[in-house]
Amino acid sequence: MSFEAYKIYQEYEPDKYKTSTQKKVEQALDTAKKEGLVPEAKEAVIEFNEAREIFGKDFLGSEAIKTTFGVELTPDELQEIENIPFTREELEQAKGLGMMLVLRVPRLGEGKNEKPLTIDQIRERFSSGDTLGDPKKKKKQMFYRKKGEGWFDKEKFATQDTPKLGWGLVTKSVLPDSLGKDWDRQEEVLKKWAKENNIDPKTVKRRTPVEITYDTFLYYGANKESLLEDKWDWTGVQSSDGHFVFLVGDFDSDGLIVGYGTRGSADSVLGVCPSR
């Protein structure tokens, strides 16, 4: 085997042994990064235990899902969600902003008994009452309207829509500045909140009705505490008659309420929770 002496020095003088093409490419990439044309690489993937340490009880993972909905993730699902799509810096900031980290799944049951995790199915699962709360503080019912009594019984957002498998961040309470504002003015509040916290406004959104229902029940099941007991979170989903759906209203002993309103509606208890 011939001895290639230049390889010894390559480690100490790397630039000397690069081709002119390699140097041009590196220079072009460096210029692009400085001009913001190439995104900076994110930090290494964060582990579940690290995320749990940051969020404490506001980390809602597979254990919370099993406790609340009786769902155990399959090996394929676990592999799909093993990478939390946020850096440690983003998670620490989120915790400071009053957000919780939520793992969402789109199903109930498994195999032949598998059903889509819709609002309708959640309502049916808890039709017998509060099986999640503190025995001394149980709610009278989990939904204000039983199946067959709600205006939304046949709405797509209640009968077909499910959460997407994956992680999400969302504030546990509505933004104070969003209260008393109509839907469009709340959109401006969301953009302002994002910019003030150096978050890309394009990554901030409203939750869907099923996401709000799922998150609220998941937190209640894991911590035996109710979110948004006296507030409403306005979604970006419209009902069949064109109204914007809002949840959760008065998730107290009478259960979760599904409401709706016109785009120009405004109320002192109707706000929005930023979600990512």
Protein backbone atom coordinates (compact mmCIF):
# COMPACT_ATOMS: atom_id res chain seq x y z
CA MET A 1 0.00 0.00 0.00
CA SER A 2 1.46 3.36 -1.04
CA PHE A 3 1.98 5.94 1.65
CA GLU A 4 -0.02 9.15 1.09
CA ALA A 5 1.88 11.66 3.19
CA TYR A 6 -0.45 14.56 2.36
CA LYS A 7 -3.19 12.97 4.48
CA ILE A 8 -1.11 13.56 7.60
CA TYR A 9 -1.07 17.29 6.96
CA GLN A 10 -4.65 17.47 5.72
CA GLU A 11 -5.88 17.38 9.30
CA TYR A 12 -3.80 20.42 10.25
CA GLU A 13 -4.07 22.43 7.01
CA PRO A 14 -7.50 21.46 5.65
CA ASP A 15 -7.92 24.51 3.40
CA LYS A 16 -4.64 23.86 1.63
CA TYR A 17 -5.86 20.56 0.22
CA LYS A 18 -9.36 21.61 -0.85
CA THR A 19 -10.12 21.92 -4.55
CA SER A 20 -11.07 25.30 -5.96
CA THR A 21 -14.63 24.04 -6.43
CA GLN A 22 -14.91 23.01 -2.77
CA LYS A 23 -13.69 26.42 -1.67
CA LYS A 24 -16.18 28.23 -3.94
CA VAL A 25 -19.07 26.16 -2.65
CA GLU A 26 -18.14 26.81 1.01
CA GLN A 27 -17.77 30.53 0.34
CA ALA A 28 -21.16 30.64 -1.35
CA LEU A 29 -22.83 28.81 1.55
CA ASP A 30 -21.17 31.08 4.09
CA THR A 31 -22.42 34.17 2.23
CA ALA A 32 -25.94 32.69 1.97
CA LYS A 33 -26.03 31.99 5.72
CA LYS A 34 -24.96 35.54 6.51
CA GLU A 35 -27.71 36.90 4.28
CA GLY A 36 -30.28 34.62 5.89
CA LEU A 37 -30.81 32.51 2.76
CA VAL A 38 -29.81 29.27 4.49
CA PRO A 39 -31.45 28.42 7.85
CA GLU A 40 -29.15 27.71 10.75
CA ALA A 41 -29.10 24.08 11.87
CA LYS A 42 -31.25 23.35 14.93
CA GLU A 43 -29.90 21.87 18.12
CA ALA A 44 -29.76 18.14 18.65
CA VAL A 45 -33.04 16.32 19.21
CA ILE A 46 -34.21 16.59 22.81
CA GLU A 47 -35.03 13.45 24.80
CA PHE A 48 -38.42 12.81 26.43
CA ASN A 49 -36.90 12.90 29.92
CA GLU A 50 -35.37 16.31 29.22
CA ALA A 51 -38.70 17.65 28.01
CA ARG A 52 -40.48 16.18 31.05
CA GLU A 53 -37.91 17.83 33.32
CA ILE A 54 -38.59 21.20 31.69
CA PHE A 55 -42.39 21.02 31.76
CA GLY A 56 -43.13 18.95 34.84
CA LYS A 57 -46.89 18.30 35.01
CA ASP A 58 -47.33 20.26 31.77
CA PHE A 59 -45.61 17.46 29.85
CA LEU A 60 -48.45 15.35 28.47
CA GLY A 61 -47.00 12.24 26.85
CA SER A 62 -47.87 8.59 26.39
CA GLU A 63 -48.61 8.03 30.10
CA ALA A 64 -51.24 10.79 30.08
CA ILE A 65 -52.77 9.35 26.92
CA LYS A 66 -53.11 5.91 28.48
CA THR A 67 -54.58 7.35 31.69
CA THR A 68 -57.10 9.53 29.90
CA PHE A 69 -58.07 7.63 26.78
CA GLY A 70 -56.78 4.10 27.47
CA VAL A 71 -54.60 4.19 24.36
CA GLU A 72 -51.19 2.51 24.18
CA LEU A 73 -49.00 3.63 21.31
CA THR A 74 -47.82 1.02 18.83
CA PRO A 75 -44.10 0.56 18.02
CA ASP A 76 -44.66 2.37 14.71
CA GLU A 77 -46.36 5.29 16.44
CA LEU A 78 -43.60 5.50 19.05
CA GLN A 79 -41.01 5.62 16.30
CA GLU A 80 -42.91 8.35 14.51
CA ILE A 81 -43.08 10.61 17.57
CA GLU A 82 -39.64 9.85 19.06
CA ASN A 83 -38.26 13.20 17.87
CA ILE A 84 -39.81 16.20 19.59
CA PRO A 85 -39.77 18.93 16.89
CA PHE A 86 -38.59 21.70 19.21
CA THR A 87 -35.17 22.61 20.57
CA ARG A 88 -34.41 22.86 24.30
CA GLU A 89 -34.32 26.64 23.94
CA GLU A 90 -37.78 26.65 22.35
CA LEU A 91 -39.19 24.36 25.04
CA GLU A 92 -37.74 26.42 27.88
CA GLN A 93 -39.19 29.56 26.32
CA ALA A 94 -42.55 27.82 25.88
CA LYS A 95 -42.64 26.79 29.53
CA GLY A 96 -41.94 30.38 30.52
CA LEU A 97 -44.83 31.51 28.31
CA GLY A 98 -47.26 29.24 30.13
CA MET A 99 -47.44 26.58 27.45
CA MET A 100 -47.79 22.82 27.79
CA LEU A 101 -46.21 20.16 25.58
CA VAL A 102 -48.88 17.78 24.28
CA LEU A 103 -48.59 14.48 22.46
CA ARG A 104 -51.71 13.92 20.35
CA VAL A 105 -52.99 10.69 18.83
CA PRO A 106 -55.77 10.23 16.24
CA ARG A 107 -57.39 7.05 17.55
CA LEU A 108 -59.12 5.26 20.37
CA GLY A 109 -58.82 1.50 20.87
CA GLU A 110 -56.79 -0.78 18.63
CA GLY A 111 -57.23 -3.49 16.04
CA LYS A 112 -60.87 -4.33 15.34
CA ASN A 113 -61.93 -1.98 18.14
CA GLU A 114 -60.03 1.03 16.78
CA LYS A 115 -62.07 4.18 16.29
CA PRO A 116 -61.13 7.70 15.18
CA LEU A 117 -60.55 10.00 18.14
CA THR A 118 -63.24 12.55 17.30
CA ILE A 119 -65.21 14.86 19.58
CA ASP A 120 -68.15 12.53 19.04
CA GLN A 121 -66.15 9.51 20.24
CA ILE A 122 -64.74 11.40 23.23
CA ARG A 123 -68.26 12.39 24.17
CA GLU A 124 -69.39 8.77 23.91
CA ARG A 125 -66.42 7.49 25.93
CA PHE A 126 -67.27 9.77 28.85
CA SER A 127 -71.04 9.56 28.53
CA SER A 128 -71.30 7.78 31.88
CA GLY A 129 -69.73 10.67 33.73
CA ASP A 130 -66.41 11.87 35.15
CA THR A 131 -64.01 8.92 35.42
CA LEU A 132 -60.88 11.09 35.46
CA GLY A 133 -61.19 13.70 38.18
CA ASP A 134 -60.53 13.76 41.89
CA PRO A 135 -63.16 11.55 43.57
CA LYS A 136 -63.97 14.43 45.92
CA LYS A 137 -64.34 16.98 43.11
CA LYS A 138 -65.83 15.06 40.21
CA LYS A 139 -67.81 16.91 37.56
CA LYS A 140 -71.51 16.20 37.14
CA GLN A 141 -70.83 15.46 33.49
CA MET A 142 -67.94 15.80 31.03
CA PHE A 143 -69.96 17.39 28.19
CA TYR A 144 -72.72 19.91 28.67
CA ARG A 145 -74.68 18.39 25.78
CA LYS A 146 -75.20 14.65 25.55
CA LYS A 147 -75.13 12.89 22.20
CA GLY A 148 -78.33 13.74 20.36
CA GLU A 149 -78.75 17.04 22.23
CA GLY A 150 -75.99 19.14 20.71
CA TRP A 151 -76.27 21.51 17.76
CA PHE A 152 -73.00 20.02 16.49
CA ASP A 153 -74.11 16.35 16.39
CA LYS A 154 -73.75 16.11 12.61
CA GLU A 155 -70.96 18.63 12.09
CA LYS A 156 -67.79 17.34 10.39
CA PHE A 157 -65.53 18.90 13.02
CA ALA A 158 -67.26 16.72 15.64
CA THR A 159 -67.85 13.47 13.73
CA GLN A 160 -64.78 13.18 11.45
CA ASP A 161 -61.90 15.46 12.46
CA THR A 162 -59.17 13.92 14.63
CA PRO A 163 -55.89 15.22 16.07
CA LYS A 164 -52.79 14.49 14.00
CA LEU A 165 -50.22 12.17 15.53
CA GLY A 166 -47.44 14.32 16.94
CA TRP A 167 -46.29 16.93 19.44
CA GLY A 168 -47.74 20.37 19.96
CA LEU A 169 -47.22 23.39 22.19
CA VAL A 170 -50.15 25.45 23.43
CA THR A 171 -50.78 27.98 26.17
CA LYS A 172 -52.92 26.73 29.04
CA SER A 173 -54.97 29.92 29.10
CA VAL A 174 -56.17 32.41 26.53
CA LEU A 175 -54.11 35.53 25.89
CA PRO A 176 -55.50 38.35 28.08
CA ASP A 177 -55.15 40.79 25.16
CA SER A 178 -57.37 38.57 23.00
CA LEU A 179 -60.41 38.88 25.29
CA GLY A 180 -63.19 41.19 24.18
CA LYS A 181 -61.97 41.22 20.57
CA ASP A 182 -63.58 39.84 17.43
CA TRP A 183 -61.97 37.03 15.41
CA ASP A 184 -59.92 39.28 13.08
CA ARG A 185 -58.59 41.45 15.88
CA GLN A 186 -57.57 38.30 17.72
CA GLU A 187 -55.51 37.36 14.67
CA GLU A 188 -53.53 40.57 15.12
CA VAL A 189 -53.04 39.72 18.81
CA LEU A 190 -51.59 36.32 17.81
CA LYS A 191 -49.14 37.94 15.38
CA LYS A 192 -48.09 40.51 17.97
CA TRP A 193 -47.56 37.80 20.60
CA ALA A 194 -45.39 35.82 18.20
CA LYS A 195 -43.22 38.79 17.24
CA GLU A 196 -42.78 39.90 20.86
CA ASN A 197 -41.42 36.43 21.66
CA ASN A 198 -39.25 36.11 18.54
CA ILE A 199 -41.42 33.30 17.16
CA ASP A 200 -42.21 33.05 13.45
CA PRO A 201 -45.88 34.15 13.20
CA LYS A 202 -46.40 31.55 10.47
CA THR A 203 -45.83 28.79 13.05
CA VAL A 204 -48.44 30.14 15.47
CA LYS A 205 -52.00 29.00 14.93
CA ARG A 206 -55.37 28.44 16.55
CA ARG A 207 -56.27 24.96 17.67
CA THR A 208 -59.01 22.94 16.00
CA PRO A 209 -62.14 22.02 18.01
CA VAL A 210 -60.98 18.42 18.46
CA GLU A 211 -57.50 19.54 19.56
CA ILE A 212 -58.98 21.77 22.26
CA THR A 213 -61.25 18.98 23.46
CA TYR A 214 -58.39 16.46 23.41
CA ASP A 215 -55.92 18.76 25.19
CA THR A 216 -58.43 19.78 27.85
CA PHE A 217 -59.42 16.21 28.67
CA LEU A 218 -55.79 15.04 28.56
CA TYR A 219 -54.69 17.69 31.07
CA TYR A 220 -57.66 16.91 33.29
CA GLY A 221 -56.90 13.19 33.16
CA ALA A 222 -53.22 13.65 33.93
CA ASN A 223 -53.45 16.36 36.59
CA LYS A 224 -57.07 16.35 37.77
CA GLU A 225 -57.17 20.08 37.07
CA SER A 226 -59.50 21.89 34.68
CA LEU A 227 -58.23 24.32 32.07
CA LEU A 228 -60.30 27.25 30.82
CA GLU A 229 -63.00 26.82 33.43
CA ASP A 230 -64.41 30.28 32.80
CA LYS A 231 -63.02 31.13 29.35
CA TRP A 232 -63.59 30.16 25.72
CA ASP A 233 -60.92 29.38 23.11
CA TRP A 234 -61.94 30.46 19.60
CA THR A 235 -60.89 28.16 16.75
CA GLY A 236 -60.32 28.79 13.04
CA VAL A 237 -62.78 26.06 12.05
CA GLN A 238 -66.17 26.99 10.67
CA SER A 239 -69.43 25.13 11.14
CA SER A 240 -71.62 24.16 8.20
CA ASP A 241 -73.50 27.47 8.45
CA GLY A 242 -70.28 29.53 8.34
CA HIS A 243 -69.87 30.37 12.03
CA PHE A 244 -66.55 30.00 13.80
CA VAL A 245 -66.58 27.27 16.44
CA PHE A 246 -65.32 28.03 19.92
CA LEU A 247 -64.49 25.78 22.82
CA VAL A 248 -63.90 25.37 25.83
CA GLY A 249 -66.56 27.24 27.73
CA ASP A 250 -67.07 26.81 31.43
CA PHE A 251 -65.38 23.41 31.74
CA ASP A 252 -66.68 23.24 35.30
CA SER A 253 -68.94 20.70 36.95
CA ASP A 254 -71.46 20.98 34.09
CA GLY A 255 -68.94 19.84 31.50
CA LEU A 256 -67.39 21.15 28.30
CA ILE A 257 -69.50 23.38 26.08
CA VAL A 258 -69.22 23.62 22.30
CA GLY A 259 -70.28 27.03 21.02
CA TYR A 260 -70.12 29.17 17.89
CA GLY A 261 -70.25 32.78 16.83
CA THR A 262 -69.99 35.12 13.87
CA ARG A 263 -66.64 36.57 12.84
CA GLY A 264 -67.57 39.91 14.33
CA SER A 265 -68.55 38.52 17.73
CA ALA A 266 -66.65 39.67 20.82
CA ASP A 267 -66.99 38.78 24.47
CA SER A 268 -65.05 39.34 27.65
CA VAL A 269 -64.60 35.57 28.14
CA LEU A 270 -63.88 34.68 24.49
CA GLY A 271 -60.16 34.60 23.65
CA VAL A 272 -57.55 32.48 21.92
CA CYS A 273 -54.72 30.16 22.99
CA PRO A 274 -51.61 30.36 20.78
CA SER A 275 -50.59 26.93 19.50
CA ARG A 276 -47.57 25.63 17.64
